[in-house]
């Protein structure tokens, strides 16, 4: 296991970046009528995931880091809901890549929060 020097070394941040890229690709196929609707909301939620991880880590206190990780989980739940809505309305095809990254990010966030909260 390598030493964590910046937020970029965090696997949870790396997964969040992969998720954001996957969401951008998946939402690109949505109709133009959704450009200012679900596309924008989904992309903002996806971007906020690695952004909040980075910001919380940079705050350099455990309390702040935990607070930002909790906000990240909120954005993740928001994105998961929007993804389900967009696919159920057939605005985009279901993406196994997005689904897998949503699950992996949730698992990693839960584990990290548990470790930080029980120190």
N, C-alpha and C. Protein backbone atom coordinates (compact mmCIF):
# COMPACT_ATOMS: atom_id res chain seq x y z
N UNK A 1 0.84 -1.18 0.00
CA UNK A 1 0.00 0.00 0.00
C UNK A 1 0.89 1.25 0.00
N UNK A 2 0.63 2.17 -0.92
CA UNK A 2 1.46 3.35 -1.02
C UNK A 2 0.97 4.44 -0.06
N UNK A 3 1.87 5.35 0.22
CA UNK A 3 1.57 6.45 1.14
C UNK A 3 0.61 7.44 0.48
N UNK A 4 -0.31 7.96 1.26
CA UNK A 4 -1.26 8.97 0.79
C UNK A 4 -0.61 10.34 0.99
N UNK A 5 -0.32 11.02 -0.11
CA UNK A 5 0.30 12.34 -0.02
C UNK A 5 -0.70 13.45 -0.36
N UNK A 6 -1.59 13.16 -1.31
CA UNK A 6 -2.63 14.13 -1.69
C UNK A 6 -3.93 13.36 -1.89
N UNK A 7 -5.00 14.10 -2.08
CA UNK A 7 -6.30 13.47 -2.33
C UNK A 7 -6.26 12.61 -3.58
N UNK A 8 -5.38 12.92 -4.52
CA UNK A 8 -5.27 12.13 -5.76
C UNK A 8 -4.81 10.70 -5.51
N UNK A 9 -4.19 10.46 -4.36
CA UNK A 9 -3.74 9.12 -4.00
C UNK A 9 -4.85 8.26 -3.40
N UNK A 10 -5.98 8.87 -3.09
CA UNK A 10 -7.10 8.15 -2.47
C UNK A 10 -7.87 7.35 -3.52
N UNK A 11 -8.02 6.06 -3.28
CA UNK A 11 -8.78 5.22 -4.22
C UNK A 11 -10.22 5.70 -4.35
N UNK A 12 -10.80 6.19 -3.26
CA UNK A 12 -12.18 6.65 -3.29
C UNK A 12 -12.32 7.88 -4.20
N UNK A 13 -11.30 8.75 -4.24
CA UNK A 13 -11.31 9.90 -5.15
C UNK A 13 -11.15 9.43 -6.58
N UNK A 14 -10.24 8.48 -6.81
CA UNK A 14 -10.00 7.94 -8.16
C UNK A 14 -11.27 7.31 -8.72
N UNK A 15 -11.96 6.56 -7.89
CA UNK A 15 -13.22 5.93 -8.32
C UNK A 15 -14.27 7.01 -8.62
N UNK A 16 -14.30 8.05 -7.80
CA UNK A 16 -15.23 9.15 -8.04
C UNK A 16 -14.96 9.83 -9.38
N UNK A 17 -13.69 9.97 -9.72
CA UNK A 17 -13.34 10.55 -11.02
C UNK A 17 -13.78 9.64 -12.15
N UNK A 18 -13.57 8.33 -11.99
CA UNK A 18 -14.02 7.37 -13.01
C UNK A 18 -15.53 7.44 -13.17
N UNK A 19 -16.25 7.55 -12.06
CA UNK A 19 -17.71 7.65 -12.09
C UNK A 19 -18.14 8.92 -12.82
N UNK A 20 -17.51 10.04 -12.52
CA UNK A 20 -17.86 11.30 -13.18
C UNK A 20 -17.66 11.19 -14.70
N UNK A 21 -16.53 10.61 -15.09
CA UNK A 21 -16.28 10.44 -16.54
C UNK A 21 -17.34 9.53 -17.17
N UNK A 22 -17.70 8.46 -16.49
CA UNK A 22 -18.71 7.53 -17.02
C UNK A 22 -20.08 8.21 -17.13
N UNK A 23 -20.41 9.04 -16.17
CA UNK A 23 -21.69 9.76 -16.22
C UNK A 23 -21.69 10.75 -17.38
N UNK A 24 -20.59 11.45 -17.59
CA UNK A 24 -20.52 12.37 -18.73
C UNK A 24 -20.74 11.61 -20.04
N UNK A 25 -20.13 10.44 -20.16
CA UNK A 25 -20.30 9.66 -21.38
C UNK A 25 -21.73 9.15 -21.53
N UNK A 26 -22.31 8.66 -20.44
CA UNK A 26 -23.67 8.12 -20.50
C UNK A 26 -24.70 9.19 -20.80
N UNK A 27 -24.53 10.37 -20.22
CA UNK A 27 -25.53 11.43 -20.42
C UNK A 27 -25.39 12.11 -21.78
N UNK A 28 -24.28 11.89 -22.47
CA UNK A 28 -24.09 12.50 -23.78
C UNK A 28 -25.13 12.02 -24.79
N UNK A 29 -25.68 10.83 -24.55
CA UNK A 29 -26.66 10.27 -25.49
C UNK A 29 -28.09 10.73 -25.19
N UNK A 30 -28.27 11.47 -24.10
CA UNK A 30 -29.63 11.89 -23.74
C UNK A 30 -30.14 12.95 -24.72
N UNK A 31 -31.46 13.05 -24.87
CA UNK A 31 -32.03 14.02 -25.81
C UNK A 31 -31.65 15.46 -25.44
N UNK A 32 -31.58 16.31 -26.44
CA UNK A 32 -31.27 17.73 -26.22
C UNK A 32 -32.27 18.39 -25.28
N UNK A 33 -33.49 17.88 -25.25
CA UNK A 33 -34.49 18.47 -24.36
C UNK A 33 -34.12 18.32 -22.88
N UNK A 34 -33.21 17.42 -22.59
CA UNK A 34 -32.77 17.20 -21.20
C UNK A 34 -31.44 17.88 -20.88
N UNK A 35 -30.90 18.62 -21.85
CA UNK A 35 -29.59 19.24 -21.66
C UNK A 35 -29.56 20.12 -20.40
N UNK A 36 -30.65 20.83 -20.11
CA UNK A 36 -30.70 21.70 -18.94
C UNK A 36 -31.52 21.08 -17.81
N UNK A 37 -31.86 19.82 -17.97
CA UNK A 37 -32.62 19.10 -16.95
C UNK A 37 -31.76 18.04 -16.29
N UNK A 38 -32.08 16.80 -16.56
CA UNK A 38 -31.38 15.69 -15.93
C UNK A 38 -29.89 15.62 -16.28
N UNK A 39 -29.53 15.99 -17.49
CA UNK A 39 -28.11 15.94 -17.87
C UNK A 39 -27.31 16.84 -16.93
N UNK A 40 -27.76 18.07 -16.76
CA UNK A 40 -27.05 19.01 -15.89
C UNK A 40 -27.04 18.54 -14.45
N UNK A 41 -28.16 18.07 -13.96
CA UNK A 41 -28.24 17.60 -12.57
C UNK A 41 -27.33 16.40 -12.33
N UNK A 42 -27.35 15.45 -13.26
CA UNK A 42 -26.53 14.25 -13.10
C UNK A 42 -25.05 14.59 -13.15
N UNK A 43 -24.68 15.45 -14.06
CA UNK A 43 -23.27 15.82 -14.18
C UNK A 43 -22.79 16.60 -12.95
N UNK A 44 -23.62 17.48 -12.45
CA UNK A 44 -23.24 18.23 -11.24
C UNK A 44 -23.08 17.30 -10.04
N UNK A 45 -24.00 16.37 -9.88
CA UNK A 45 -23.90 15.41 -8.77
C UNK A 45 -22.65 14.56 -8.92
N UNK A 46 -22.37 14.13 -10.15
CA UNK A 46 -21.19 13.29 -10.40
C UNK A 46 -19.90 14.05 -10.11
N UNK A 47 -19.82 15.29 -10.53
CA UNK A 47 -18.62 16.11 -10.30
C UNK A 47 -18.44 16.40 -8.82
N UNK A 48 -19.54 16.56 -8.10
CA UNK A 48 -19.43 16.90 -6.68
C UNK A 48 -18.85 15.75 -5.85
N UNK A 49 -18.92 14.53 -6.35
CA UNK A 49 -18.41 13.38 -5.60
C UNK A 49 -16.89 13.48 -5.40
N UNK A 50 -16.08 13.48 -6.45
CA UNK A 50 -14.64 13.61 -6.21
C UNK A 50 -14.27 15.00 -5.68
N UNK A 51 -15.05 16.02 -6.04
CA UNK A 51 -14.76 17.37 -5.56
C UNK A 51 -14.88 17.47 -4.05
N UNK A 52 -15.94 16.91 -3.50
CA UNK A 52 -16.13 16.95 -2.04
C UNK A 52 -15.10 16.10 -1.31
N UNK A 53 -14.70 14.99 -1.90
CA UNK A 53 -13.65 14.16 -1.29
C UNK A 53 -12.35 14.98 -1.22
N UNK A 54 -12.02 15.64 -2.33
CA UNK A 54 -10.80 16.45 -2.38
C UNK A 54 -10.86 17.61 -1.39
N UNK A 55 -11.98 18.30 -1.37
CA UNK A 55 -12.10 19.45 -0.46
C UNK A 55 -12.04 19.03 0.99
N UNK A 56 -12.75 17.97 1.33
CA UNK A 56 -12.72 17.48 2.71
C UNK A 56 -11.34 17.05 3.14
N UNK A 57 -10.63 16.36 2.26
CA UNK A 57 -9.26 15.93 2.57
C UNK A 57 -8.36 17.14 2.77
N UNK A 58 -8.53 18.15 1.95
CA UNK A 58 -7.68 19.35 2.02
C UNK A 58 -7.95 20.19 3.27
N UNK A 59 -9.08 20.01 3.90
CA UNK A 59 -9.40 20.76 5.12
C UNK A 59 -8.49 20.36 6.29
N UNK A 60 -7.92 19.19 6.23
CA UNK A 60 -6.90 18.70 7.15
C UNK A 60 -7.36 18.50 8.60
N UNK A 61 -8.68 18.37 8.80
CA UNK A 61 -9.16 17.94 10.11
C UNK A 61 -10.10 16.77 9.89
N UNK A 62 -10.07 15.82 10.77
CA UNK A 62 -10.93 14.64 10.64
C UNK A 62 -12.40 15.04 10.63
N UNK A 63 -12.77 15.97 11.51
CA UNK A 63 -14.17 16.40 11.61
C UNK A 63 -14.67 16.96 10.27
N UNK A 64 -13.87 17.82 9.66
CA UNK A 64 -14.25 18.40 8.36
C UNK A 64 -14.26 17.34 7.26
N UNK A 65 -13.28 16.47 7.29
CA UNK A 65 -13.20 15.39 6.29
C UNK A 65 -14.45 14.53 6.36
N UNK A 66 -14.84 14.14 7.55
CA UNK A 66 -16.06 13.33 7.73
C UNK A 66 -17.27 14.09 7.21
N UNK A 67 -17.36 15.37 7.52
CA UNK A 67 -18.49 16.19 7.07
C UNK A 67 -18.58 16.18 5.54
N UNK A 68 -17.46 16.36 4.87
CA UNK A 68 -17.46 16.37 3.41
C UNK A 68 -17.72 14.99 2.82
N UNK A 69 -17.27 13.95 3.48
CA UNK A 69 -17.57 12.60 3.01
C UNK A 69 -19.06 12.30 3.14
N UNK A 70 -19.69 12.80 4.16
CA UNK A 70 -21.15 12.63 4.29
C UNK A 70 -21.88 13.37 3.17
N UNK A 71 -21.41 14.57 2.83
CA UNK A 71 -22.01 15.30 1.69
C UNK A 71 -21.80 14.51 0.41
N UNK A 72 -20.64 13.87 0.29
CA UNK A 72 -20.36 13.05 -0.88
C UNK A 72 -21.36 11.92 -0.99
N UNK A 73 -21.67 11.27 0.13
CA UNK A 73 -22.65 10.18 0.10
C UNK A 73 -24.01 10.70 -0.34
N UNK A 74 -24.35 11.93 0.06
CA UNK A 74 -25.60 12.54 -0.39
C UNK A 74 -25.61 12.73 -1.90
N UNK A 75 -24.51 13.22 -2.44
CA UNK A 75 -24.41 13.40 -3.90
C UNK A 75 -24.48 12.07 -4.62
N UNK A 76 -23.89 11.05 -4.02
CA UNK A 76 -23.91 9.71 -4.61
C UNK A 76 -25.35 9.18 -4.67
N UNK A 77 -26.10 9.36 -3.59
CA UNK A 77 -27.50 8.91 -3.56
C UNK A 77 -28.33 9.71 -4.56
N UNK A 78 -28.05 10.99 -4.68
CA UNK A 78 -28.74 11.84 -5.65
C UNK A 78 -28.47 11.33 -7.07
N UNK A 79 -27.21 11.07 -7.38
CA UNK A 79 -26.84 10.57 -8.70
C UNK A 79 -27.46 9.21 -8.98
N UNK A 80 -27.47 8.34 -8.01
CA UNK A 80 -28.06 7.01 -8.17
C UNK A 80 -29.55 7.14 -8.51
N UNK A 81 -30.24 8.04 -7.83
CA UNK A 81 -31.67 8.27 -8.08
C UNK A 81 -31.89 8.83 -9.48
N UNK A 82 -31.07 9.79 -9.87
CA UNK A 82 -31.21 10.40 -11.19
C UNK A 82 -30.91 9.40 -12.30
N UNK A 83 -29.91 8.55 -12.07
CA UNK A 83 -29.57 7.51 -13.04
C UNK A 83 -30.76 6.56 -13.22
N UNK A 84 -31.36 6.16 -12.12
CA UNK A 84 -32.52 5.26 -12.20
C UNK A 84 -33.69 5.93 -12.92
N UNK A 85 -33.92 7.20 -12.63
CA UNK A 85 -35.01 7.92 -13.29
C UNK A 85 -34.76 8.03 -14.80
N UNK A 86 -33.54 8.42 -15.16
CA UNK A 86 -33.22 8.60 -16.59
C UNK A 86 -33.33 7.29 -17.36
N UNK A 87 -32.90 6.20 -16.75
CA UNK A 87 -32.99 4.91 -17.46
C UNK A 87 -34.43 4.40 -17.48
N UNK A 88 -35.19 4.61 -16.40
CA UNK A 88 -36.57 4.12 -16.38
C UNK A 88 -37.44 4.91 -17.36
N UNK A 89 -37.10 6.17 -17.61
CA UNK A 89 -37.82 6.97 -18.60
C UNK A 89 -37.27 6.76 -20.01
N UNK A 90 -36.27 5.87 -20.12
CA UNK A 90 -35.62 5.54 -21.38
C UNK A 90 -35.00 6.77 -22.06
N UNK A 91 -34.48 7.68 -21.23
CA UNK A 91 -33.76 8.84 -21.75
C UNK A 91 -32.31 8.47 -22.07
N UNK A 92 -31.86 7.38 -21.47
CA UNK A 92 -30.53 6.84 -21.77
C UNK A 92 -30.56 5.35 -21.48
N UNK A 93 -29.62 4.65 -22.09
CA UNK A 93 -29.52 3.21 -21.87
C UNK A 93 -28.89 2.94 -20.50
N UNK A 94 -29.30 1.86 -19.85
CA UNK A 94 -28.64 1.50 -18.59
C UNK A 94 -27.15 1.25 -18.84
N UNK A 95 -26.32 1.70 -17.93
CA UNK A 95 -24.87 1.51 -18.06
C UNK A 95 -24.37 0.67 -16.90
N UNK A 96 -23.89 -0.52 -17.21
CA UNK A 96 -23.33 -1.39 -16.16
C UNK A 96 -22.10 -0.74 -15.56
N UNK A 97 -21.35 0.02 -16.36
CA UNK A 97 -20.16 0.70 -15.84
C UNK A 97 -20.56 1.71 -14.76
N UNK A 98 -21.57 2.52 -15.04
CA UNK A 98 -22.03 3.50 -14.06
C UNK A 98 -22.57 2.79 -12.82
N UNK A 99 -23.38 1.76 -13.02
CA UNK A 99 -23.95 1.03 -11.88
C UNK A 99 -22.86 0.43 -11.00
N UNK A 100 -21.85 -0.17 -11.63
CA UNK A 100 -20.75 -0.78 -10.86
C UNK A 100 -19.96 0.28 -10.11
N UNK A 101 -19.71 1.41 -10.75
CA UNK A 101 -18.97 2.49 -10.08
C UNK A 101 -19.77 3.10 -8.94
N UNK A 102 -21.08 3.23 -9.11
CA UNK A 102 -21.93 3.72 -8.02
C UNK A 102 -21.82 2.80 -6.80
N UNK A 103 -21.88 1.49 -7.05
CA UNK A 103 -21.78 0.52 -5.94
C UNK A 103 -20.41 0.56 -5.28
N UNK A 104 -19.36 0.61 -6.10
CA UNK A 104 -18.00 0.62 -5.57
C UNK A 104 -17.72 1.89 -4.77
N UNK A 105 -18.17 3.02 -5.29
CA UNK A 105 -17.96 4.29 -4.58
C UNK A 105 -18.71 4.29 -3.25
N UNK A 106 -19.91 3.77 -3.24
CA UNK A 106 -20.68 3.70 -2.00
C UNK A 106 -19.98 2.80 -0.99
N UNK A 107 -19.49 1.68 -1.44
CA UNK A 107 -18.79 0.74 -0.54
C UNK A 107 -17.55 1.40 0.06
N UNK A 108 -16.77 2.05 -0.78
CA UNK A 108 -15.55 2.69 -0.29
C UNK A 108 -15.84 3.86 0.64
N UNK A 109 -16.85 4.66 0.31
CA UNK A 109 -17.21 5.77 1.19
C UNK A 109 -17.67 5.28 2.55
N UNK A 110 -18.51 4.25 2.58
CA UNK A 110 -18.98 3.70 3.85
C UNK A 110 -17.81 3.19 4.68
N UNK A 111 -16.90 2.48 4.06
CA UNK A 111 -15.75 1.92 4.78
C UNK A 111 -14.86 3.04 5.32
N UNK A 112 -14.60 4.06 4.51
CA UNK A 112 -13.76 5.16 4.94
C UNK A 112 -14.41 5.93 6.09
N UNK A 113 -15.69 6.20 5.97
CA UNK A 113 -16.40 6.88 7.06
C UNK A 113 -16.36 6.08 8.35
N UNK A 114 -16.58 4.80 8.26
CA UNK A 114 -16.54 3.95 9.47
C UNK A 114 -15.16 4.02 10.12
N UNK A 115 -14.12 3.94 9.31
CA UNK A 115 -12.75 4.00 9.87
C UNK A 115 -12.49 5.34 10.54
N UNK A 116 -12.90 6.42 9.90
CA UNK A 116 -12.65 7.75 10.45
C UNK A 116 -13.50 8.04 11.69
N UNK A 117 -14.73 7.56 11.70
CA UNK A 117 -15.63 7.83 12.82
C UNK A 117 -15.29 7.01 14.05
N UNK A 118 -14.62 5.88 13.88
CA UNK A 118 -14.32 5.00 15.01
C UNK A 118 -12.88 5.09 15.46
N UNK A 119 -12.21 6.15 15.12
CA UNK A 119 -10.83 6.37 15.59
C UNK A 119 -10.83 7.02 16.92
